[in-house]
Amino acid sequence: MIEHEESNFTKKAMKKIIQEIISKQSTDVDVVSGATYTSEGLKEVVNKAIAAAGITLEK
């Protein structure tokens, strides 16, 4: 088992992206500078969860 803990910067970036997604009700949000891969990965996971739930977001 590999143990991994996110850095404080990554945690803050994830929190910001999640807040933006909720606020805009969309995953079409800007990435956090310096955390591009984390931001894109989080948006991808949210999109997959939305699709799996059968939800369609308005554009």
C-alpha atoms as a PDB file:
ATOM      1  CA  MET A   1       0.000   0.000   0.000  1.00  0.00           C
ATOM      2  CA  ILE A   2       1.314   3.399  -0.968  1.00  0.00           C
ATOM      3  CA  GLU A   3       0.586   6.220   1.412  1.00  0.00           C
ATOM      4  CA  HIS A   4       0.313   9.723   0.022  1.00  0.00           C
ATOM      5  CA  GLU A   5      -0.639  13.020   1.589  1.00  0.00           C
ATOM      6  CA  GLU A   6      -1.452  16.119  -0.422  1.00  0.00           C
ATOM      7  CA  SER A   7       0.562  19.286   0.174  1.00  0.00           C
ATOM      8  CA  ASN A   8      -1.135  22.331   1.664  1.00  0.00           C
ATOM      9  CA  PHE A   9      -0.898  24.035  -1.732  1.00  0.00           C
ATOM     10  CA  THR A  10      -2.633  21.102  -3.439  1.00  0.00           C
ATOM     11  CA  LYS A  11      -5.334  21.003  -0.764  1.00  0.00           C
ATOM     12  CA  LYS A  12      -6.000  24.732  -1.260  1.00  0.00           C
ATOM     13  CA  ALA A  13      -6.091  24.321  -5.047  1.00  0.00           C
ATOM     14  CA  MET A  14      -8.557  21.430  -4.786  1.00  0.00           C
ATOM     15  CA  LYS A  15     -10.758  23.398  -2.404  1.00  0.00           C
ATOM     16  CA  LYS A  16     -10.773  26.385  -4.770  1.00  0.00           C
ATOM     17  CA  ILE A  17     -11.690  24.247  -7.807  1.00  0.00           C
ATOM     18  CA  ILE A  18     -14.481  22.483  -5.896  1.00  0.00           C
ATOM     19  CA  GLN A  19     -15.895  25.812  -4.699  1.00  0.00           C
ATOM     20  CA  GLU A  20     -15.826  27.174  -8.257  1.00  0.00           C
ATOM     21  CA  ILE A  21     -17.554  24.076  -9.658  1.00  0.00           C
ATOM     22  CA  ILE A  22     -20.299  24.325  -7.044  1.00  0.00           C
ATOM     23  CA  SER A  23     -20.690  28.078  -7.456  1.00  0.00           C
ATOM     24  CA  LYS A  24     -20.923  27.916 -11.260  1.00  0.00           C
ATOM     25  CA  GLN A  25     -22.730  24.568 -11.333  1.00  0.00           C
ATOM     26  CA  SER A  26     -20.270  23.681 -14.071  1.00  0.00           C
ATOM     27  CA  THR A  27     -16.871  22.085 -14.479  1.00  0.00           C
ATOM     28  CA  ASP A  28     -15.978  24.769 -17.021  1.00  0.00           C
ATOM     29  CA  VAL A  29     -13.811  26.637 -14.522  1.00  0.00           C
ATOM     30  CA  ASP A  30     -10.261  27.972 -14.685  1.00  0.00           C
ATOM     31  CA  VAL A  31      -7.420  25.820 -13.420  1.00  0.00           C
ATOM     32  CA  VAL A  32      -5.356  26.950 -10.445  1.00  0.00           C
ATOM     33  CA  SER A  33      -1.975  28.303 -11.508  1.00  0.00           C
ATOM     34  CA  GLY A  34       0.761  25.919 -10.410  1.00  0.00           C
ATOM     35  CA  ALA A  35      -1.716  23.070  -9.981  1.00  0.00           C
ATOM     36  CA  THR A  36      -2.799  22.510 -13.567  1.00  0.00           C
ATOM     37  CA  TYR A  37      -2.652  18.702 -13.481  1.00  0.00           C
ATOM     38  CA  THR A  38      -4.463  18.574 -10.143  1.00  0.00           C
ATOM     39  CA  SER A  39      -7.125  20.985 -11.409  1.00  0.00           C
ATOM     40  CA  GLU A  40      -7.666  19.107 -14.676  1.00  0.00           C
ATOM     41  CA  GLY A  41      -7.730  15.757 -12.875  1.00  0.00           C
ATOM     42  CA  LEU A  42     -10.308  16.967 -10.384  1.00  0.00           C
ATOM     43  CA  LYS A  43     -12.504  18.383 -13.151  1.00  0.00           C
ATOM     44  CA  GLU A  44     -12.248  15.061 -15.021  1.00  0.00           C
ATOM     45  CA  VAL A  45     -13.276  13.060 -11.942  1.00  0.00           C
ATOM     46  CA  VAL A  46     -16.237  15.369 -11.297  1.00  0.00           C
ATOM     47  CA  ASN A  47     -17.319  15.047 -14.947  1.00  0.00           C
ATOM     48  CA  LYS A  48     -17.164  11.249 -14.691  1.00  0.00           C
ATOM     49  CA  ALA A  49     -19.211  11.291 -11.472  1.00  0.00           C
ATOM     50  CA  ILE A  50     -21.786  13.571 -13.089  1.00  0.00           C
ATOM     51  CA  ALA A  51     -22.059  11.259 -16.116  1.00  0.00           C
ATOM     52  CA  ALA A  52     -22.280   8.159 -13.912  1.00  0.00           C
ATOM     53  CA  ALA A  53     -25.128   9.768 -11.985  1.00  0.00           C
ATOM     54  CA  GLY A  54     -26.961  10.494 -15.233  1.00  0.00           C
ATOM     55  CA  ILE A  55     -26.937  14.232 -14.627  1.00  0.00           C
ATOM     56  CA  THR A  56     -26.749  16.794 -17.407  1.00  0.00           C
ATOM     57  CA  LEU A  57     -25.470  20.227 -16.518  1.00  0.00           C
ATOM     58  CA  GLU A  58     -26.878  23.221 -18.357  1.00  0.00           C
ATOM     59  CA  LYS A  59     -24.450  25.226 -20.468  1.00  0.00           C
END
